[in-house]
Amino acid sequence: YAYHTEAMDRAMEGGIDDVGLGVLFGLELYKYEFAGLLMHAEHLEAKFGCGPHTISVPRICPADDIDTADFKNVISDEIFQKIVAVLRIAVPYTGMIVSTRETAESRAKVLDLGVSQISGGSRTSVGGYTEEERHNETAQFDVSDERTLDEVVSWLLDLGYIPSFCTACYREGRTGDRFMSLAKSGQIANCCQPNALMTLKEYSEDYASAEVRTKIEKLIAAEIERVPHPKIRAKAVENIKKIALGERDFRF
């Protein structure tokens, strides 16, 4: 972790103001790795006034020629969930990421505990998104959640979440301390909620199945009324209508 900290410090000093942290749990005693992760976040806050934008929490999973039983520090589902819960309390402003390494059941549990970003339809092989036949030959690790993106979106909707495809903060330059000030004050909600609904509307129009599109339209109709700022809400309603007519790429 000392090397990791030094390298990230140099990156931030060089102008990279958004950084992400993460530990592959299972290689070392999880208490040591977890303490190092939190200390690194604390260090970034103290030195740069800006903690990690995201934290990933992967753990050792089965892959070709790899048996998790060979790793004495593999963590249980219970410990994994505790790590997610404590991270959410300790670093409330950061996005937390869980990949398709985890099963659908595991991901549903940690979504309740504070995970905010998940992947769908992932492939871990070289050329996996363009060359179907190579998927199993070069996979970095086995994918536990093999559902399609549309299935994952449908699942999130059924759980009561708003699937968001938003990248507005990066594109608007809201990174580093500019993002953190909004996140820590809660003002980022004025951007996140309408941006989530607008990007979800784009997904609905361009990619969703008929069944999922119906769910999305119902959710947007209900959630658009909950956008707190009246002017932003009115603009979001207008933009959603334009998206239905073929326009794209609106953001706050």
Protein backbone atom coordinates (compact mmCIF):
# COMPACT_ATOMS: atom_id res chain seq x y z
CA TYR A 1 0.00 0.00 0.00
CA ALA A 2 2.96 2.35 0.55
CA TYR A 3 3.85 2.07 -3.14
CA HIS A 4 0.21 2.48 -4.12
CA THR A 5 -0.07 5.65 -2.01
CA GLU A 6 3.12 7.15 -3.41
CA ALA A 7 2.06 6.47 -7.02
CA MET A 8 -1.39 7.98 -6.48
CA ASP A 9 0.11 11.04 -4.79
CA ARG A 10 2.28 11.62 -7.86
CA ALA A 11 -0.75 11.25 -10.11
CA MET A 12 -2.74 13.82 -8.15
CA GLU A 13 0.20 16.18 -7.99
CA GLY A 14 0.41 15.84 -11.76
CA GLY A 15 -3.17 17.01 -12.22
CA ILE A 16 -5.33 13.85 -11.96
CA ASP A 17 -7.91 15.01 -9.45
CA ASP A 18 -10.30 12.04 -9.45
CA VAL A 19 -8.92 8.76 -8.13
CA GLY A 20 -10.37 5.43 -7.10
CA LEU A 21 -9.24 2.99 -4.43
CA GLY A 22 -9.73 -0.73 -4.10
CA VAL A 23 -8.41 -3.91 -2.55
CA LEU A 24 -8.63 -7.42 -3.94
CA PHE A 25 -9.72 -9.00 -0.69
CA GLY A 26 -8.42 -12.49 -0.04
CA LEU A 27 -4.73 -12.01 -0.79
CA GLU A 28 -3.90 -10.82 2.72
CA LEU A 29 -5.65 -10.67 6.07
CA TYR A 30 -8.76 -8.59 5.36
CA LYS A 31 -8.41 -6.49 8.54
CA TYR A 32 -4.99 -5.28 7.41
CA GLU A 33 -6.18 -4.53 3.89
CA PHE A 34 -9.32 -2.79 5.13
CA ALA A 35 -7.38 -0.60 7.56
CA GLY A 36 -4.95 0.31 4.77
CA LEU A 37 -7.84 1.25 2.49
CA LEU A 38 -9.37 3.60 5.07
CA MET A 39 -5.99 5.10 5.94
CA HIS A 40 -5.37 5.80 2.26
CA ALA A 41 -8.73 7.61 1.98
CA GLU A 42 -7.86 9.60 5.11
CA HIS A 43 -4.44 10.45 3.66
CA LEU A 44 -5.98 11.78 0.44
CA GLU A 45 -8.35 13.96 2.43
CA ALA A 46 -5.52 15.32 4.60
CA LYS A 47 -3.04 15.99 1.79
CA PHE A 48 -5.29 17.00 -1.11
CA GLY A 49 -8.57 17.88 0.57
CA CYS A 50 -10.26 15.35 -1.70
CA GLY A 51 -10.98 11.73 -0.90
CA PRO A 52 -11.48 8.90 -3.40
CA HIS A 53 -14.21 9.33 -6.01
CA THR A 54 -14.84 5.58 -5.93
CA ILE A 55 -13.89 2.51 -3.90
CA SER A 56 -14.04 -0.99 -5.40
CA VAL A 57 -14.43 -4.08 -3.23
CA PRO A 58 -13.54 -7.15 -5.32
CA ARG A 59 -12.64 -10.41 -3.61
CA ILE A 60 -10.88 -13.56 -4.77
CA CYS A 61 -13.24 -15.62 -6.92
CA PRO A 62 -12.83 -18.86 -8.88
CA ALA A 63 -11.09 -18.72 -12.27
CA ASP A 64 -9.17 -21.10 -14.54
CA ASP A 65 -6.66 -23.03 -12.41
CA ILE A 66 -7.63 -21.00 -9.33
CA ASP A 67 -9.45 -22.53 -6.39
CA THR A 68 -10.46 -20.10 -3.66
CA ALA A 69 -9.78 -22.88 -1.13
CA ASP A 70 -6.07 -22.34 -1.84
CA PHE A 71 -6.25 -18.84 -0.34
CA LYS A 72 -6.30 -18.84 3.46
CA ASN A 73 -7.48 -15.23 3.63
CA VAL A 74 -10.59 -15.60 1.46
CA ILE A 75 -13.46 -13.65 3.03
CA SER A 76 -16.96 -14.96 3.68
CA ASP A 77 -20.18 -13.37 2.48
CA GLU A 78 -20.78 -12.05 5.99
CA ILE A 79 -17.38 -10.33 6.20
CA PHE A 80 -17.79 -8.99 2.66
CA GLN A 81 -21.10 -7.40 3.63
CA LYS A 82 -19.61 -5.90 6.79
CA ILE A 83 -16.79 -4.35 4.75
CA VAL A 84 -19.32 -2.69 2.44
CA ALA A 85 -21.44 -1.43 5.36
CA VAL A 86 -18.50 0.06 7.27
CA LEU A 87 -17.10 1.67 4.12
CA ARG A 88 -20.43 3.36 3.49
CA ILE A 89 -20.39 4.81 7.01
CA ALA A 90 -16.70 5.77 6.94
CA VAL A 91 -16.60 7.29 3.45
CA PRO A 92 -20.19 8.38 2.79
CA TYR A 93 -19.37 10.61 -0.18
CA THR A 94 -17.68 7.99 -2.34
CA GLY A 95 -19.18 5.75 -4.99
CA MET A 96 -18.82 2.05 -4.16
CA ILE A 97 -18.40 -0.47 -6.95
CA VAL A 98 -19.21 -4.19 -7.08
CA SER A 99 -18.61 -6.13 -10.28
CA THR A 100 -20.09 -9.26 -11.81
CA ARG A 101 -17.59 -11.30 -9.80
CA GLU A 102 -20.42 -11.39 -7.26
CA THR A 103 -23.62 -13.37 -7.66
CA ALA A 104 -26.98 -11.67 -8.14
CA GLU A 105 -27.88 -12.58 -4.56
CA SER A 106 -24.67 -11.10 -3.17
CA ARG A 107 -25.08 -7.91 -5.19
CA ALA A 108 -28.67 -7.44 -4.03
CA LYS A 109 -27.50 -7.64 -0.42
CA VAL A 110 -24.67 -5.12 -0.75
CA LEU A 111 -26.87 -2.71 -2.72
CA ASP A 112 -28.93 -2.49 0.48
CA LEU A 113 -25.75 -1.80 2.45
CA GLY A 114 -24.38 1.05 0.37
CA VAL A 115 -23.02 -0.07 -3.00
CA SER A 116 -23.90 2.54 -5.62
CA GLN A 117 -22.34 1.23 -8.84
CA ILE A 118 -22.63 -2.21 -10.42
CA SER A 119 -21.81 -3.63 -13.82
CA GLY A 120 -24.02 -5.65 -16.13
CA GLY A 121 -23.35 -7.88 -19.10
CA SER A 122 -19.63 -7.86 -18.30
CA ARG A 123 -16.97 -9.98 -19.97
CA THR A 124 -13.48 -10.31 -18.53
CA SER A 125 -11.65 -11.79 -21.52
CA VAL A 126 -9.42 -10.13 -24.08
CA GLY A 127 -11.71 -9.05 -26.92
CA GLY A 128 -14.65 -10.47 -24.99
CA TYR A 129 -17.15 -7.87 -26.20
CA THR A 130 -16.39 -8.44 -29.87
CA GLU A 131 -15.19 -12.04 -30.11
CA GLU A 132 -17.62 -14.42 -28.47
CA GLU A 133 -15.52 -17.53 -28.95
CA ARG A 134 -12.58 -16.13 -26.98
CA HIS A 135 -14.60 -15.36 -23.90
CA ASN A 136 -13.80 -18.52 -21.97
CA GLU A 137 -10.23 -18.87 -23.18
CA THR A 138 -8.80 -15.64 -21.81
CA ALA A 139 -11.18 -14.71 -18.98
CA GLN A 140 -9.48 -12.89 -16.12
CA PHE A 141 -11.98 -14.40 -13.67
CA ASP A 142 -15.30 -16.23 -13.80
CA VAL A 143 -18.37 -14.03 -14.03
CA SER A 144 -20.89 -15.02 -11.36
CA ASP A 145 -23.70 -12.74 -12.52
CA GLU A 146 -24.18 -13.64 -16.19
CA ARG A 147 -27.37 -11.68 -16.81
CA THR A 148 -27.59 -9.29 -19.74
CA LEU A 149 -27.56 -5.55 -19.18
CA ASP A 150 -31.31 -5.39 -19.86
CA GLU A 151 -31.92 -8.09 -17.27
CA VAL A 152 -29.83 -6.20 -14.71
CA VAL A 153 -31.69 -2.95 -15.44
CA SER A 154 -35.02 -4.76 -15.05
CA TRP A 155 -33.85 -6.29 -11.77
CA LEU A 156 -32.78 -2.90 -10.39
CA LEU A 157 -36.13 -1.41 -11.33
CA ASP A 158 -37.93 -4.25 -9.55
CA LEU A 159 -35.81 -3.58 -6.45
CA GLY A 160 -36.88 0.06 -6.47
CA TYR A 161 -33.63 1.63 -7.68
CA ILE A 162 -33.12 4.16 -10.48
CA PRO A 163 -30.56 2.73 -12.95
CA SER A 164 -28.36 5.62 -14.08
CA PHE A 165 -25.99 5.80 -17.04
CA CYS A 166 -24.84 9.32 -16.17
CA THR A 167 -21.31 10.58 -16.88
CA ALA A 168 -22.19 14.27 -16.61
CA CYS A 169 -19.79 15.20 -13.81
CA TYR A 170 -16.75 14.06 -15.79
CA ARG A 171 -17.95 15.78 -18.93
CA GLU A 172 -18.81 19.01 -17.09
CA GLY A 173 -15.49 19.10 -15.23
CA ARG A 174 -17.06 18.39 -11.85
CA THR A 175 -14.13 16.33 -10.62
CA GLY A 176 -11.81 16.42 -7.64
CA ASP A 177 -12.66 19.03 -5.01
CA ARG A 178 -15.38 20.48 -7.23
CA PHE A 179 -17.24 17.18 -7.12
CA MET A 180 -16.47 16.56 -3.44
CA SER A 181 -17.94 19.88 -2.29
CA LEU A 182 -21.22 19.01 -4.00
CA ALA A 183 -21.21 15.39 -2.81
CA LYS A 184 -20.45 16.20 0.82
CA SER A 185 -23.09 18.95 0.97
CA GLY A 186 -25.73 16.83 -0.76
CA GLN A 187 -26.15 19.43 -3.51
CA ILE A 188 -25.09 16.84 -6.09
CA ALA A 189 -28.67 15.51 -5.88
CA ASN A 190 -29.77 18.46 -8.03
CA CYS A 191 -27.66 16.95 -10.81
CA CYS A 192 -27.79 13.22 -10.10
CA GLN A 193 -31.53 12.63 -10.01
CA PRO A 194 -32.49 14.41 -13.25
CA ASN A 195 -29.37 13.12 -15.02
CA ALA A 196 -30.23 9.57 -13.96
CA LEU A 197 -33.75 9.88 -15.33
CA MET A 198 -32.61 11.43 -18.61
CA THR A 199 -29.95 8.80 -19.26
CA LEU A 200 -32.41 6.07 -18.31
CA LYS A 201 -34.84 7.53 -20.84
CA GLU A 202 -32.11 7.33 -23.50
CA TYR A 203 -31.50 3.68 -22.59
CA SER A 204 -35.24 3.05 -22.81
CA GLU A 205 -35.49 4.56 -26.27
CA ASP A 206 -32.34 3.00 -27.74
CA TYR A 207 -31.75 -0.36 -26.07
CA ALA A 208 -34.44 -1.56 -23.66
CA SER A 209 -36.76 -4.46 -24.34
CA ALA A 210 -40.48 -3.68 -24.52
CA GLU A 211 -41.04 -5.06 -21.02
CA VAL A 212 -38.24 -3.01 -19.49
CA ARG A 213 -39.30 0.11 -21.41
CA THR A 214 -42.71 -0.08 -19.75
CA LYS A 215 -41.10 -0.29 -16.32
CA ILE A 216 -38.83 2.66 -17.10
CA GLU A 217 -41.66 4.88 -18.27
CA LYS A 218 -43.59 4.17 -15.08
CA LEU A 219 -40.56 4.96 -12.91
CA ILE A 220 -39.72 8.20 -14.74
CA ALA A 221 -43.30 9.44 -14.40
CA ALA A 222 -43.14 8.93 -10.63
CA GLU A 223 -39.56 10.05 -9.96
CA ILE A 224 -39.52 13.21 -12.09
CA GLU A 225 -41.93 14.76 -9.57
CA ARG A 226 -39.35 14.21 -6.82
CA VAL A 227 -36.64 16.36 -8.39
CA PRO A 228 -36.38 19.00 -5.65
CA HIS A 229 -35.54 22.17 -7.58
CA PRO A 230 -38.57 23.36 -9.61
CA LYS A 231 -36.58 24.93 -12.46
CA ILE A 232 -34.38 21.84 -12.83
CA ARG A 233 -37.47 19.62 -12.69
CA ALA A 234 -39.18 21.61 -15.44
CA LYS A 235 -36.07 21.49 -17.63
CA ALA A 236 -35.70 17.75 -17.06
CA VAL A 237 -39.32 17.17 -18.11
CA GLU A 238 -38.67 19.18 -21.28
CA ASN A 239 -35.48 17.24 -22.02
CA ILE A 240 -37.16 13.88 -21.52
CA LYS A 241 -39.80 14.87 -24.08
CA LYS A 242 -37.02 15.82 -26.51
CA ILE A 243 -35.29 12.47 -25.94
CA ALA A 244 -38.52 10.71 -26.95
CA LEU A 245 -38.40 12.72 -30.19
CA GLY A 246 -34.86 11.60 -30.96
CA GLU A 247 -32.61 14.20 -29.35
CA ARG A 248 -29.79 13.03 -27.08
CA ASP A 249 -27.08 14.02 -24.61
CA PHE A 250 -28.78 16.34 -22.12
CA ARG A 251 -27.19 16.88 -18.73
CA PHE A 252 -27.09 19.12 -15.70
